[in-house]
Amino acid sequence: MLLSFSRSEGEFIRSHRASPAFDRHQNLPAMPFISTMETKSLALADILRALREDIQAENTLIASRVTWYVTSQSFLLTAYAASWNTGFLWQSFFHHVMPIAAIVLSVMILASIYAATWAQDVYLREQEALVSRINAEFQLSDAEKMALQVYERTMVVNRTNGVGKIVGGRIHALVRITPLVLPVGFSALWLYALIFAPAASS
């Protein structure tokens, strides 16, 4: 699920970077607090964009780990199946050590994917909390309000289907089924092979 700033949000950021209030402070030393609405809006827009990029980064990380995991499992299963051919050397390694190694690998990849989903949930909560605070505590111009509304509508929790019903959270949960279930399924397969496989023929 790709997450990015909309055109309105980009124009909102560029307009503040080009504003006279922002230019006045470009050549001054860094100050801890600058009480201009333009600078505050720019900082908030950058934070919102950074949160969205962090969420997307976790999506990319999960996808790459799942791709690598499925590829590795396909190679292991191919080697395991080939080891049952008559005359195959060192069958004990492929029939006992390889399933154990595959199970350990599955546990490790499951832990790493779970950690990535946990981190993504943290970013999603921070994003939602920041948008709520901006709406409640800041006085925004009409252009800023429009940009924030576009950003808010494209947040995961607020995404809707064709009839306007909010389904973002449900879809997000469904997307996570595959990366979390795959390691469990492969682990069960390898465990079954380790326990119930017949004795190898010499």
Protein backbone atom coordinates (compact mmCIF):
# COMPACT_ATOMS: atom_id res chain seq x y z
CA MET A 1 0.00 0.00 0.00
CA LEU A 2 1.83 3.14 -1.16
CA LEU A 3 1.62 6.25 0.97
CA SER A 4 2.66 9.71 -0.36
CA PHE A 5 1.79 13.38 -0.13
CA SER A 6 -0.92 14.55 -2.49
CA ARG A 7 -0.51 17.39 -4.96
CA SER A 8 -2.38 19.75 -2.66
CA GLU A 9 -0.06 18.87 0.24
CA GLY A 10 3.02 19.40 -1.94
CA GLU A 11 1.75 22.80 -3.02
CA PHE A 12 1.08 23.58 0.63
CA ILE A 13 4.72 22.85 1.54
CA ARG A 14 6.19 24.68 -1.46
CA SER A 15 4.04 27.74 -0.80
CA HIS A 16 5.43 28.02 2.71
CA ARG A 17 9.00 27.52 1.58
CA ALA A 18 8.52 30.37 -0.88
CA SER A 19 6.82 32.67 1.64
CA PRO A 20 8.51 35.96 2.66
CA ALA A 21 8.37 34.99 6.33
CA PHE A 22 10.40 31.88 5.62
CA ASP A 23 12.96 33.77 3.48
CA ARG A 24 13.59 36.30 6.23
CA HIS A 25 14.97 33.55 8.47
CA GLN A 26 17.06 31.69 5.91
CA ASN A 27 20.27 33.64 6.59
CA LEU A 28 19.86 33.90 10.36
CA PRO A 29 21.40 31.55 12.94
CA ALA A 30 19.27 28.63 14.00
CA MET A 31 16.80 29.56 16.74
CA PRO A 32 14.92 27.16 19.03
CA PHE A 33 11.54 28.83 18.51
CA ILE A 34 10.29 31.04 15.66
CA SER A 35 6.75 32.23 16.28
CA THR A 36 5.52 32.55 12.69
CA MET A 37 2.54 30.63 11.36
CA GLU A 38 4.45 29.87 8.15
CA THR A 39 7.36 28.22 9.96
CA LYS A 40 5.03 26.21 12.18
CA SER A 41 3.03 25.03 9.18
CA LEU A 42 6.19 24.02 7.34
CA ALA A 43 7.49 22.08 10.33
CA LEU A 44 4.19 20.29 10.81
CA ALA A 45 3.96 19.41 7.11
CA ASP A 46 7.49 17.98 7.22
CA ILE A 47 6.64 15.91 10.29
CA LEU A 48 3.48 14.55 8.67
CA ARG A 49 5.41 13.66 5.54
CA ALA A 50 8.17 12.00 7.58
CA LEU A 51 5.61 9.86 9.42
CA ARG A 52 4.06 8.77 6.12
CA GLU A 53 7.50 7.92 4.72
CA ASP A 54 8.28 5.87 7.84
CA ILE A 55 5.04 3.92 7.42
CA GLN A 56 5.88 3.26 3.78
CA ALA A 57 9.42 2.20 4.73
CA GLU A 58 8.02 -0.46 7.06
CA ASN A 59 5.73 -1.67 4.25
CA THR A 60 8.74 -2.00 1.96
CA LEU A 61 10.73 -3.78 4.67
CA ILE A 62 7.95 -6.32 5.27
CA ALA A 63 7.51 -6.95 1.54
CA SER A 64 11.24 -7.49 0.98
CA ARG A 65 11.48 -9.89 3.92
CA VAL A 66 8.51 -11.92 2.70
CA THR A 67 9.96 -12.09 -0.81
CA TRP A 68 13.34 -13.23 0.49
CA TYR A 69 11.70 -15.76 2.81
CA VAL A 70 9.52 -17.36 0.13
CA THR A 71 12.49 -17.56 -2.23
CA SER A 72 14.65 -19.27 0.40
CA GLN A 73 11.91 -21.72 1.27
CA SER A 74 11.47 -22.69 -2.38
CA PHE A 75 15.17 -23.56 -2.63
CA LEU A 76 15.07 -25.55 0.60
CA LEU A 77 12.00 -27.50 -0.46
CA THR A 78 13.55 -28.27 -3.85
CA ALA A 79 16.70 -29.59 -2.20
CA TYR A 80 14.65 -31.60 0.30
CA ALA A 81 12.56 -33.21 -2.46
CA ALA A 82 15.67 -34.05 -4.51
CA SER A 83 17.29 -35.70 -1.51
CA TRP A 84 14.73 -38.51 -1.64
CA ASN A 85 16.11 -39.80 -4.94
CA THR A 86 17.81 -43.18 -4.75
CA GLY A 87 21.56 -42.90 -4.35
CA PHE A 88 21.44 -39.34 -3.04
CA LEU A 89 24.42 -38.80 -0.71
CA TRP A 90 24.14 -37.48 2.85
CA GLN A 91 20.41 -37.99 3.13
CA SER A 92 20.47 -37.67 6.90
CA PHE A 93 21.49 -34.01 6.58
CA PHE A 94 18.69 -33.14 4.17
CA HIS A 95 16.06 -35.19 6.04
CA HIS A 96 16.87 -34.03 9.57
CA VAL A 97 19.14 -30.97 9.73
CA MET A 98 17.51 -29.07 6.86
CA PRO A 99 13.95 -29.17 8.30
CA ILE A 100 15.25 -27.93 11.66
CA ALA A 101 17.18 -25.13 9.96
CA ALA A 102 14.10 -24.18 7.96
CA ILE A 103 11.98 -24.03 11.13
CA VAL A 104 14.55 -21.82 12.87
CA LEU A 105 14.64 -19.55 9.84
CA SER A 106 10.85 -19.32 9.85
CA VAL A 107 10.81 -18.32 13.52
CA MET A 108 13.42 -15.63 12.92
CA ILE A 109 11.64 -14.15 9.91
CA LEU A 110 8.31 -14.21 11.77
CA ALA A 111 9.88 -12.27 14.65
CA SER A 112 11.36 -9.68 12.28
CA ILE A 113 8.07 -9.23 10.40
CA TYR A 114 6.16 -8.88 13.65
CA ALA A 115 8.65 -6.22 14.79
CA ALA A 116 8.13 -4.30 11.56
CA THR A 117 4.33 -4.42 11.93
CA TRP A 118 4.66 -3.22 15.54
CA ALA A 119 6.83 -0.29 14.46
CA GLN A 120 4.34 0.56 11.73
CA ASP A 121 1.50 0.60 14.26
CA VAL A 122 3.50 3.07 16.35
CA TYR A 123 3.90 5.40 13.36
CA LEU A 124 0.20 5.09 12.51
CA ARG A 125 -0.82 6.03 16.07
CA GLU A 126 1.58 8.98 16.09
CA GLN A 127 0.23 10.13 12.73
CA GLU A 128 -3.37 9.99 13.91
CA ALA A 129 -2.55 11.76 17.18
CA LEU A 130 -0.64 14.55 15.42
CA VAL A 131 -3.44 15.21 12.94
CA SER A 132 -5.94 15.38 15.82
CA ARG A 133 -3.75 17.86 17.70
CA ILE A 134 -3.30 20.04 14.62
CA ASN A 135 -7.07 20.18 14.11
CA ALA A 136 -7.67 20.98 17.78
CA GLU A 137 -4.82 23.35 18.67
CA PHE A 138 -3.76 25.24 15.52
CA GLN A 139 -5.48 28.00 13.60
CA LEU A 140 -4.93 27.16 9.94
CA SER A 141 -5.64 29.12 6.80
CA ASP A 142 -8.16 27.83 4.27
CA ALA A 143 -5.36 26.41 2.07
CA GLU A 144 -3.78 24.68 5.06
CA LYS A 145 -7.11 23.23 6.13
CA MET A 146 -7.73 21.86 2.64
CA ALA A 147 -4.26 20.27 2.49
CA LEU A 148 -4.70 18.73 5.93
CA GLN A 149 -8.14 17.37 4.99
CA VAL A 150 -6.67 15.69 1.90
CA TYR A 151 -3.87 14.21 4.01
CA GLU A 152 -6.34 13.02 6.64
CA ARG A 153 -8.62 11.34 4.09
CA THR A 154 -5.69 9.34 2.70
CA MET A 155 -4.55 8.08 6.10
CA VAL A 156 -4.90 4.31 6.50
CA VAL A 157 -7.57 4.53 9.21
CA ASN A 158 -9.72 6.90 7.13
CA ARG A 159 -9.65 5.21 3.72
CA THR A 160 -13.08 4.40 2.32
CA ASN A 161 -14.60 2.05 -0.24
CA GLY A 162 -16.71 3.01 -3.24
CA VAL A 163 -19.79 3.76 -1.13
CA GLY A 164 -17.95 5.90 1.39
CA LYS A 165 -17.68 3.34 4.20
CA ILE A 166 -14.41 3.46 6.13
CA VAL A 167 -12.58 0.17 5.55
CA GLY A 168 -8.94 1.25 5.87
CA GLY A 169 -8.26 -0.48 9.17
CA ARG A 170 -9.88 -3.72 8.03
CA ILE A 171 -7.97 -3.79 4.74
CA HIS A 172 -4.74 -3.01 6.56
CA ALA A 173 -5.33 -5.98 8.88
CA LEU A 174 -6.08 -8.29 5.94
CA VAL A 175 -2.87 -7.26 4.18
CA ARG A 176 -0.90 -8.42 7.20
CA ILE A 177 -2.28 -11.96 7.13
CA THR A 178 0.09 -13.23 4.44
CA PRO A 179 3.42 -12.08 5.96
CA LEU A 180 2.44 -13.35 9.41
CA VAL A 181 0.85 -16.66 8.37
CA LEU A 182 3.44 -17.77 5.81
CA PRO A 183 6.22 -18.51 8.33
CA VAL A 184 3.77 -20.43 10.52
CA GLY A 185 2.56 -22.50 7.57
CA PHE A 186 6.05 -23.37 6.37
CA SER A 187 7.11 -24.23 9.93
CA ALA A 188 4.19 -26.65 10.23
CA LEU A 189 5.12 -28.22 6.88
CA TRP A 190 8.75 -28.73 7.89
CA LEU A 191 7.77 -30.08 11.29
CA TYR A 192 5.45 -32.60 9.67
CA ALA A 193 8.23 -33.69 7.29
CA LEU A 194 10.67 -34.04 10.17
CA ILE A 195 8.34 -36.18 12.29
CA PHE A 196 6.37 -38.26 9.80
CA ALA A 197 8.70 -38.70 6.83
CA PRO A 198 9.40 -42.41 6.08
CA ALA A 199 12.87 -43.84 6.40
CA ALA A 200 15.04 -43.06 3.43
CA SER A 201 15.91 -45.88 1.07
CA SER A 202 19.59 -46.51 0.43
